[in-house]
Amino acid sequence: MVVFANDVFPRKIPLIITTSDVLLPGVTVKIPITESRNVNMVRSQLLGSNSSPNPIIGIVPKQAEDSSEAVTIDKDTVGVIGQVFHISRTSWPKPTFMVLVSGLCRFRVDKLIMEEPYLVAIATQLDGFGDESGEEISKTDPTAQEFRDVAAKLFAKLTTSYSHITDKMSHILDLMPLSRLADFCCSYSSATYAEKLDVLNTVDVAERLKKVIPIMQRFIQELDKSGLNDRRLMPFKTSNSKLTRMKPLEMGTFSEEGDDLSDLIKRAKDLSVPAHVSKVLNRELQRLKRMGSFHPEHSIIRTYVELLMDLPWNVSAIETLDIHKARKDLDDDHFAMTSVKRRILEFLAVRQLNKSKKGPILCLVGPPGVGKTSIAKSIAKTTGRPFHCISLGGTYNQSDIRGHRKTYLGAMPGRIIQALKTTGVNNPVLLLDEVDKVGSGAHGSVAAALLEVLDSAQNSHFTDHYVNLHFDLSQVMFLATANNANVIPAPLLDRMEIIKLNGYTEEEKLQIAQKHLLPKQLREHGLENSGLQVPESCIIEIIRNYTQEAGVRSLERHLGALCRHRVVKLVENQSDNSAQNTLAPVTLDETCLIDILGPPPFGDFELWRRAGIPGVALGLSWTEYGGRVLIIETTRLNRSSQGSLVLTGHLGDVMKESASLAVDWLRSVAKQYGLNSSDPLSDADLHIHFPAGAISKDGPSAGIAIATALYSLFTNRPIANGVVMTGEITLSGAVLPVGGVKEKVLAAHRACLKKVILPQKNYSDLADIPESTKNDLEFSLVTEMSEVLQAAFDGMTESDSSVMLNNMKSNDSPLLCKL
């Protein structure tokens, strides 16, 4: 609380206008702030960077019928100086603040010195505060005696049904000054707005007592008639700082709060928690006992105490590891992914032999829809631990991980502590989903906050800012998922073991659809016995021409669309009384797919049509969502005779450099390939375009495709049908290896292409490609651009090219191979 010498307050104070009630000194109320000038004052004076912890403001009442937008504060208007203890905010349906303020003393407005954006006045204090409230009446005065007699009758009414608060009421009568007692009784009686305003404007204590006496008498009569006893006054709270420090006036013990607090204390005694937690818990419970439920910090402390009690400090789930059951569960829940399942079984087998060993933190990296989250759930199912997923995508505030400090309004623990509270054990399986999509900003780095969580040497003493106590995370099994490991910060990546999940082949998608997705959709739509048959040919048609993904999410959605179409037919049939209750079994075909799903949005027809043009080549690119086929278009324009190069298609710097390298390489070997008879490269403007300009493209893998497209343009020869390539080029024409080969080859297979040109040094990557895919494709492994051109054009006729090929060194693997 802010303390002023001799209870004298500053003369310059910001104002809040109230219309619904009148605040009197010695009373604590919550004031809703909606009027624009009031909102401006709260934001500037109460929530500003220079605001004090418990600021002083002026509260001026106005009649409810007055428009607060047009109100003017007259000179000599009487208000109440109040102290703010708490501010809460809501944003719907419009921005609103709720201010908890305690009335301290009366003041008079001498002059308004500012009206916009909020009111500020020069004020004069009219009475004192607390026991020294400037009373001008003796206790033996007849008016004072009459007031105390009426107040005693009122308090006697209140204690009829609640005998345990009789002593507290008597203390209020004996110790509270008459000036404050009058305001107190008026505020919590059945006084009208006008009566409260009249009492506020009455500075003279004797006159104030005379006005409050009939209000109390009327209230006593109302209590006699209604039988409500003290229910009208149960909510009262006295906020006089000197009174609330007196032990007899602790009002929180005569409500149900006392029983709740006793339950908390009893529960705390039965808890098994570490010593440092028990010490803090007992301290906070003692604070709760000393304050009433009216105190602004009561709910904050209670919420904190309940969280400490709910956390599983010493509660662990019983781990049940069975490697045979784990193998069966993984095989039942996930098709293919042999290498991934092998690593998961290794991970679980080590834990089965040595439960105390802190194993690595596994990060499952792969495109969406390939089963990263389901694998994490299978691990939790196998170990018998509770599972909880923490979605980190779009998280930019490190407090989401480490919590907010209790000093902030609306503070709460971080996501890790909340997950432990939800699971109820200290050794759950926590999945950090989309760990590659966390960010950093003015509120710190989320990736940096995760370092302590994922470091086995530090997480045994993890400290959440809200809890502010050490919590042992060493027993938690952390797993993570990501689409792209390249964007994960290096220190965080170093704490995890990367397990790559690649996209599914067409055969794998077919098996997954038949064994898992279709039965699941039939079950969820109530069609298990409906006779709906989706043949293999229809599923293959959906995979090839209705989806273009590495995973199976879109495939599942399309199967769901087929089921919903069948459900509509069944329901319509049941609602038709003249029809039978069931439909005949139906087997879908490709015509039905067009009727239900519409025309296929994808297909290889466009690639085949566009690739048969001179100057057009097909490349392969890797994205975090899997591989994709890239169309590269080139053209020659005789505009400036300066040989300029134009690149379009939202390209990154690396691809721009690859294009420049391809052009310069072709210029350097133009004579060898018979392209310099008329010097076509020197006087031509070249335009290289990558369609789908809204999609960003970058990476070192398009060099040979660009060079081949340019060669096709200047020789006016189309590249052979079904040929796609990936690899980087050097200025001397060497072909460098690239990454993401499996994803790129799967993309070529999905597009029904026939031949893939790869760098020779990527030969080892072919071992990761399924045999069914390799059997459908022809691979050309190259080391030089001359080999690329020979494979792309199914042989070259230029004599210079033949000489170059004859001089090539032999390789361990054949130039063209069917794998």
Foldseek 3Di string as FASTA:
>chain_A
DDDDPQQFDAQKAFEDEAAPAAADAQFKDKGKDDDQQSVVCCVPAVVDPPHDQWDKHWYAYDHNVDDPVPDDDDFFGKTFIKIWHDWDWDPPPHTMIITIIHTFFMKTFHAWPDPPPGTIGRIGTLFGGWPRTPADDDCPDPLNVLLLVLLVLLVVLQCPVPVVLNQLSVCCSVGGDQQSVLLQQCRLAPHDRVLNSVLRSDSHSSVSSVSSSVRSVVRSVVCVVPVPRCPSPLVTDGDRPVVLQDQSNQSQCRDCVVVVLVVLVVLLVVDDADPVLNVVLVVLSVVLVSHHPPDPCNVLSVVLSVLSSLFAQPFAFQWDADLVVLLVLCVQVAPDPVVVSVVLSVQSVVCVVPVPDQDAAAEEEAAPARQPVVNLVSSQVNGVFAEDEDEQAPAAALCLAQWDASVDPPTDWHPVSVVSSVRSHLAHEYEHEALLRFHYDPRGGNLVSCLQVLDLVRQCQRHRNHSRGGGGNSNYRYYYYHLDPVSRDPSSVVRHDYDYRWFDFLVSLLVCCVSPLLVVLCVVLVNPPQQEAEDSVNLSCCLQQADQFRHCPSSSVLSNQVSVVSSVVQVVQCVDPVHDNGDDHDYDDPVVCCVRVNGGPDALPVVQVVQQFQLKAWEWDADSGFIAIWIKGKDWDQDAQALAEAEAQQEDPQVVVLLVLLLLLCLVCCVLQVQCPVDRRRGIYMYMYIPPSVDHDYDAWCNLRNNLSVVSHSVRGGWDGLEYEIFGAGNNFWTHADPRVQRRLSNSVSSVGAEYEGAQVCPVVCVPHDPVSLQRHKYFHDTGSLLVNCVRRVHDDRPSSVVVVVPDDDDPDDRIDRD
